[in-house]
Amino acid sequence: MNLLFLQVKQHMLMFLLHHLKILQGFLHLKHLMLLMYNNNYRKDLIQHIPKQTNLLSLNM
């Protein structure tokens, strides 16, 4: 009886770990998507800045 309980407990821990890894991966993906979104946003901002400033920022 005790052994079975331990096996179930271990199984549940593995299950939780698996889901934590999935969640972590999802959060990482979300973070990457936000970074990409921010980069696109900056590109749009740079396009709206007058051309001279644009060339200066490209040389930096």
PDB file of N, CA and C in Angstrom:
ATOM      1  N   MET A   1       0.823  -1.208   0.000  1.00  0.00           N
ATOM      2  CA  MET A   1       0.000   0.000   0.000  1.00  0.00           C
ATOM      3  C   MET A   1       0.863   1.266   0.000  1.00  0.00           C
ATOM      4  N   ASN A   2       1.863   1.257   0.869  1.00  0.00           N
ATOM      5  CA  ASN A   2       2.751   2.412   0.969  1.00  0.00           C
ATOM      6  C   ASN A   2       3.552   2.614  -0.322  1.00  0.00           C
ATOM      7  N   LEU A   3       4.007   1.496  -0.903  1.00  0.00           N
ATOM      8  CA  LEU A   3       4.789   1.547  -2.129  1.00  0.00           C
ATOM      9  C   LEU A   3       3.967   2.146  -3.273  1.00  0.00           C
ATOM     10  N   LEU A   4       2.715   1.725  -3.358  1.00  0.00           N
ATOM     11  CA  LEU A   4       1.819   2.241  -4.383  1.00  0.00           C
ATOM     12  C   LEU A   4       1.643   3.753  -4.226  1.00  0.00           C
ATOM     13  N   PHE A   5       1.474   4.190  -2.984  1.00  0.00           N
ATOM     14  CA  PHE A   5       1.313   5.607  -2.689  1.00  0.00           C
ATOM     15  C   PHE A   5       2.530   6.403  -3.162  1.00  0.00           C
ATOM     16  N   LEU A   6       3.724   5.866  -2.885  1.00  0.00           N
ATOM     17  CA  LEU A   6       4.954   6.528  -3.311  1.00  0.00           C
ATOM     18  C   LEU A   6       5.059   6.615  -4.835  1.00  0.00           C
ATOM     19  N   GLN A   7       4.648   5.533  -5.514  1.00  0.00           N
ATOM     20  CA  GLN A   7       4.685   5.523  -6.975  1.00  0.00           C
ATOM     21  C   GLN A   7       3.748   6.580  -7.551  1.00  0.00           C
ATOM     22  N   VAL A   8       2.546   6.669  -6.959  1.00  0.00           N
ATOM     23  CA  VAL A   8       1.576   7.666  -7.412  1.00  0.00           C
ATOM     24  C   VAL A   8       2.112   9.067  -7.178  1.00  0.00           C
ATOM     25  N   LYS A   9       2.721   9.271  -6.014  1.00  0.00           N
ATOM     26  CA  LYS A   9       3.289  10.570  -5.668  1.00  0.00           C
ATOM     27  C   LYS A   9       4.399  10.948  -6.664  1.00  0.00           C
ATOM     28  N   GLN A  10       5.249   9.991  -6.975  1.00  0.00           N
ATOM     29  CA  GLN A  10       6.335  10.231  -7.918  1.00  0.00           C
ATOM     30  C   GLN A  10       5.783  10.563  -9.298  1.00  0.00           C
ATOM     31  N   HIS A  11       4.748   9.814  -9.696  1.00  0.00           N
ATOM     32  CA  HIS A  11       4.120  10.036 -10.991  1.00  0.00           C
ATOM     33  C   HIS A  11       3.544  11.453 -11.069  1.00  0.00           C
ATOM     34  N   MET A  12       2.910  11.887  -9.988  1.00  0.00           N
ATOM     35  CA  MET A  12       2.321  13.226  -9.967  1.00  0.00           C
ATOM     36  C   MET A  12       3.387  14.302 -10.016  1.00  0.00           C
ATOM     37  N   LEU A  13       4.515  14.051  -9.351  1.00  0.00           N
ATOM     38  CA  LEU A  13       5.619  15.008  -9.391  1.00  0.00           C
ATOM     39  C   LEU A  13       6.179  15.132 -10.811  1.00  0.00           C
ATOM     40  N   MET A  14       6.330  13.993 -11.479  1.00  0.00           N
ATOM     41  CA  MET A  14       6.816  14.001 -12.856  1.00  0.00           C
ATOM     42  C   MET A  14       5.850  14.766 -13.761  1.00  0.00           C
ATOM     43  N   PHE A  15       4.561  14.529 -13.534  1.00  0.00           N
ATOM     44  CA  PHE A  15       3.511  15.197 -14.295  1.00  0.00           C
ATOM     45  C   PHE A  15       3.594  16.714 -14.112  1.00  0.00           C
ATOM     46  N   LEU A  16       3.765  17.130 -12.854  1.00  0.00           N
ATOM     47  CA  LEU A  16       3.880  18.559 -12.552  1.00  0.00           C
ATOM     48  C   LEU A  16       5.122  19.169 -13.190  1.00  0.00           C
ATOM     49  N   LEU A  17       6.231  18.448 -13.098  1.00  0.00           N
ATOM     50  CA  LEU A  17       7.479  18.920 -13.699  1.00  0.00           C
ATOM     51  C   LEU A  17       7.322  19.102 -15.200  1.00  0.00           C
ATOM     52  N   HIS A  18       6.681  18.126 -15.836  1.00  0.00           N
ATOM     53  CA  HIS A  18       6.450  18.170 -17.274  1.00  0.00           C
ATOM     54  C   HIS A  18       5.661  19.428 -17.648  1.00  0.00           C
ATOM     55  N   HIS A  19       4.619  19.710 -16.874  1.00  0.00           N
ATOM     56  CA  HIS A  19       3.785  20.874 -17.168  1.00  0.00           C
ATOM     57  C   HIS A  19       4.502  22.179 -16.875  1.00  0.00           C
ATOM     58  N   LEU A  20       5.365  22.167 -15.862  1.00  0.00           N
ATOM     59  CA  LEU A  20       6.159  23.352 -15.578  1.00  0.00           C
ATOM     60  C   LEU A  20       7.100  23.655 -16.744  1.00  0.00           C
ATOM     61  N   LYS A  21       7.677  22.598 -17.320  1.00  0.00           N
ATOM     62  CA  LYS A  21       8.571  22.776 -18.468  1.00  0.00           C
ATOM     63  C   LYS A  21       7.817  23.345 -19.659  1.00  0.00           C
ATOM     64  N   ILE A  22       6.601  22.829 -19.889  1.00  0.00           N
ATOM     65  CA  ILE A  22       5.775  23.334 -20.983  1.00  0.00           C
ATOM     66  C   ILE A  22       5.436  24.806 -20.757  1.00  0.00           C
ATOM     67  N   LEU A  23       5.070  25.126 -19.521  1.00  0.00           N
ATOM     68  CA  LEU A  23       4.727  26.503 -19.165  1.00  0.00           C
ATOM     69  C   LEU A  23       5.925  27.423 -19.352  1.00  0.00           C
ATOM     70  N   GLN A  24       7.089  26.947 -18.925  1.00  0.00           N
ATOM     71  CA  GLN A  24       8.319  27.720 -19.062  1.00  0.00           C
ATOM     72  C   GLN A  24       8.618  27.987 -20.534  1.00  0.00           C
ATOM     73  N   GLY A  25       8.445  26.945 -21.358  1.00  0.00           N
ATOM     74  CA  GLY A  25       8.652  27.091 -22.791  1.00  0.00           C
ATOM     75  C   GLY A  25       7.690  28.090 -23.402  1.00  0.00           C
ATOM     76  N   PHE A  26       6.434  28.040 -22.953  1.00  0.00           N
ATOM     77  CA  PHE A  26       5.415  28.959 -23.451  1.00  0.00           C
ATOM     78  C   PHE A  26       5.756  30.394 -23.081  1.00  0.00           C
ATOM     79  N   LEU A  27       6.200  30.597 -21.827  1.00  0.00           N
ATOM     80  CA  LEU A  27       6.566  31.939 -21.378  1.00  0.00           C
ATOM     81  C   LEU A  27       7.770  32.456 -22.163  1.00  0.00           C
ATOM     82  N   HIS A  28       8.719  31.573 -22.457  1.00  0.00           N
ATOM     83  CA  HIS A  28       9.901  31.942 -23.224  1.00  0.00           C
ATOM     84  C   HIS A  28       9.500  32.371 -24.632  1.00  0.00           C
ATOM     85  N   LEU A  29       8.569  31.601 -25.227  1.00  0.00           N
ATOM     86  CA  LEU A  29       8.071  31.913 -26.560  1.00  0.00           C
ATOM     87  C   LEU A  29       7.369  33.273 -26.560  1.00  0.00           C
ATOM     88  N   LYS A  30       6.554  33.499 -25.526  1.00  0.00           N
ATOM     89  CA  LYS A  30       5.839  34.763 -25.389  1.00  0.00           C
ATOM     90  C   LYS A  30       6.835  35.918 -25.297  1.00  0.00           C
ATOM     91  N   HIS A  31       7.907  35.713 -24.527  1.00  0.00           N
ATOM     92  CA  HIS A  31       8.948  36.718 -24.359  1.00  0.00           C
ATOM     93  C   HIS A  31       9.626  37.025 -25.694  1.00  0.00           C
ATOM     94  N   LEU A  32       9.940  35.967 -26.458  1.00  0.00           N
ATOM     95  CA  LEU A  32      10.551  36.144 -27.777  1.00  0.00           C
ATOM     96  C   LEU A  32       9.632  36.917 -28.712  1.00  0.00           C
ATOM     97  N   MET A  33       8.321  36.584 -28.669  1.00  0.00           N
ATOM     98  CA  MET A  33       7.356  37.278 -29.509  1.00  0.00           C
ATOM     99  C   MET A  33       7.283  38.753 -29.140  1.00  0.00           C
ATOM    100  N   LEU A  34       7.328  39.043 -27.848  1.00  0.00           N
ATOM    101  CA  LEU A  34       7.316  40.434 -27.392  1.00  0.00           C
ATOM    102  C   LEU A  34       8.568  41.169 -27.870  1.00  0.00           C
ATOM    103  N   LEU A  35       9.716  40.505 -27.808  1.00  0.00           N
ATOM    104  CA  LEU A  35      10.965  41.110 -28.276  1.00  0.00           C
ATOM    105  C   LEU A  35      10.882  41.425 -29.764  1.00  0.00           C
ATOM    106  N   MET A  36      10.364  40.470 -30.545  1.00  0.00           N
ATOM    107  CA  MET A  36      10.223  40.675 -31.978  1.00  0.00           C
ATOM    108  C   MET A  36       9.267  41.827 -32.262  1.00  0.00           C
ATOM    109  N   TYR A  37       8.174  41.884 -31.513  1.00  0.00           N
ATOM    110  CA  TYR A  37       7.190  42.952 -31.660  1.00  0.00           C
ATOM    111  C   TYR A  37       7.838  44.304 -31.367  1.00  0.00           C
ATOM    112  N   ASN A  38       8.640  44.352 -30.292  1.00  0.00           N
ATOM    113  CA  ASN A  38       9.312  45.594 -29.929  1.00  0.00           C
ATOM    114  C   ASN A  38      10.311  46.013 -31.000  1.00  0.00           C
ATOM    115  N   ASN A  39      11.014  45.056 -31.592  1.00  0.00           N
ATOM    116  CA  ASN A  39      11.956  45.370 -32.665  1.00  0.00           C
ATOM    117  C   ASN A  39      11.243  45.952 -33.870  1.00  0.00           C
ATOM    118  N   ASN A  40      10.106  45.362 -34.241  1.00  0.00           N
ATOM    119  CA  ASN A  40       9.321  45.888 -35.358  1.00  0.00           C
ATOM    120  C   ASN A  40       8.824  47.282 -35.051  1.00  0.00           C
ATOM    121  N   TYR A  41       8.417  47.494 -33.819  1.00  0.00           N
ATOM    122  CA  TYR A  41       7.924  48.792 -33.385  1.00  0.00           C
ATOM    123  C   TYR A  41       9.028  49.841 -33.517  1.00  0.00           C
ATOM    124  N   ARG A  42      10.242  49.483 -33.115  1.00  0.00           N
ATOM    125  CA  ARG A  42      11.377  50.407 -33.231  1.00  0.00           C
ATOM    126  C   ARG A  42      11.693  50.706 -34.691  1.00  0.00           C
ATOM    127  N   LYS A  43      11.623  49.681 -35.541  1.00  0.00           N
ATOM    128  CA  LYS A  43      11.865  49.897 -36.970  1.00  0.00           C
ATOM    129  C   LYS A  43      10.870  50.892 -37.547  1.00  0.00           C
ATOM    130  N   ASP A  44       9.596  50.743 -37.143  1.00  0.00           N
ATOM    131  CA  ASP A  44       8.561  51.676 -37.595  1.00  0.00           C
ATOM    132  C   ASP A  44       8.872  53.088 -37.121  1.00  0.00           C
ATOM    133  N   LEU A  45       9.323  53.215 -35.874  1.00  0.00           N
ATOM    134  CA  LEU A  45       9.667  54.525 -35.336  1.00  0.00           C
ATOM    135  C   LEU A  45      10.812  55.139 -36.125  1.00  0.00           C
ATOM    136  N   ILE A  46      11.832  54.331 -36.416  1.00  0.00           N
ATOM    137  CA  ILE A  46      12.996  54.811 -37.164  1.00  0.00           C
ATOM    138  C   ILE A  46      12.574  55.290 -38.552  1.00  0.00           C
ATOM    139  N   GLN A  47      11.624  54.584 -39.173  1.00  0.00           N
ATOM    140  CA  GLN A  47      11.147  54.980 -40.498  1.00  0.00           C
ATOM    141  C   GLN A  47      10.463  56.340 -40.470  1.00  0.00           C
ATOM    142  N   HIS A  48       9.823  56.672 -39.343  1.00  0.00           N
ATOM    143  CA  HIS A  48       9.111  57.940 -39.248  1.00  0.00           C
ATOM    144  C   HIS A  48      10.039  59.106 -38.936  1.00  0.00           C
ATOM    145  N   ILE A  49      11.223  58.803 -38.429  1.00  0.00           N
ATOM    146  CA  ILE A  49      12.207  59.860 -38.160  1.00  0.00           C
ATOM    147  C   ILE A  49      12.767  60.343 -39.507  1.00  0.00           C
ATOM    148  N   PRO A  50      13.005  61.653 -39.645  1.00  0.00           N
ATOM    149  CA  PRO A  50      13.577  62.193 -40.892  1.00  0.00           C
ATOM    150  C   PRO A  50      14.852  61.470 -41.331  1.00  0.00           C
ATOM    151  N   LYS A  51      15.080  61.471 -42.653  1.00  0.00           N
ATOM    152  CA  LYS A  51      16.152  60.657 -43.247  1.00  0.00           C
ATOM    153  C   LYS A  51      17.545  60.941 -42.685  1.00  0.00           C
ATOM    154  N   GLN A  52      17.862  62.202 -42.424  1.00  0.00           N
ATOM    155  CA  GLN A  52      19.202  62.527 -41.911  1.00  0.00           C
ATOM    156  C   GLN A  52      19.482  61.812 -40.584  1.00  0.00           C
ATOM    157  N   THR A  53      18.525  61.876 -39.688  1.00  0.00           N
ATOM    158  CA  THR A  53      18.678  61.224 -38.391  1.00  0.00           C
ATOM    159  C   THR A  53      18.787  59.713 -38.577  1.00  0.00           C
ATOM    160  N   ASN A  54      18.024  59.196 -39.537  1.00  0.00           N
ATOM    161  CA  ASN A  54      18.042  57.772 -39.832  1.00  0.00           C
ATOM    162  C   ASN A  54      19.455  57.332 -40.233  1.00  0.00           C
ATOM    163  N   LEU A  55      20.095  58.087 -41.120  1.00  0.00           N
ATOM    164  CA  LEU A  55      21.451  57.761 -41.560  1.00  0.00           C
ATOM    165  C   LEU A  55      22.430  57.838 -40.392  1.00  0.00           C
ATOM    166  N   LEU A  56      22.259  58.834 -39.542  1.00  0.00           N
ATOM    167  CA  LEU A  56      23.131  58.964 -38.374  1.00  0.00           C
ATOM    168  C   LEU A  56      22.986  57.763 -37.444  1.00  0.00           C
ATOM    169  N   SER A  57      21.755  57.339 -37.220  1.00  0.00           N
ATOM    170  CA  SER A  57      21.539  56.213 -36.312  1.00  0.00           C
ATOM    171  C   SER A  57      22.057  54.910 -36.917  1.00  0.00           C
ATOM    172  N   LEU A  58      22.048  54.808 -38.248  1.00  0.00           N
ATOM    173  CA  LEU A  58      22.580  53.610 -38.897  1.00  0.00           C
ATOM    174  C   LEU A  58      24.097  53.548 -38.772  1.00  0.00           C
ATOM    175  N   ASN A  59      24.768  54.729 -38.817  1.00  0.00           N
ATOM    176  CA  ASN A  59      26.220  54.752 -38.700  1.00  0.00           C
ATOM    177  C   ASN A  59      26.693  54.428 -37.297  1.00  0.00           C
ATOM    178  N   MET A  60      25.853  54.677 -36.289  1.00  0.00           N
ATOM    179  CA  MET A  60      26.247  54.421 -34.901  1.00  0.00           C
ATOM    180  C   MET A  60      26.387  52.935 -34.622  1.00  0.00           C
TER     181      MET A  60
END
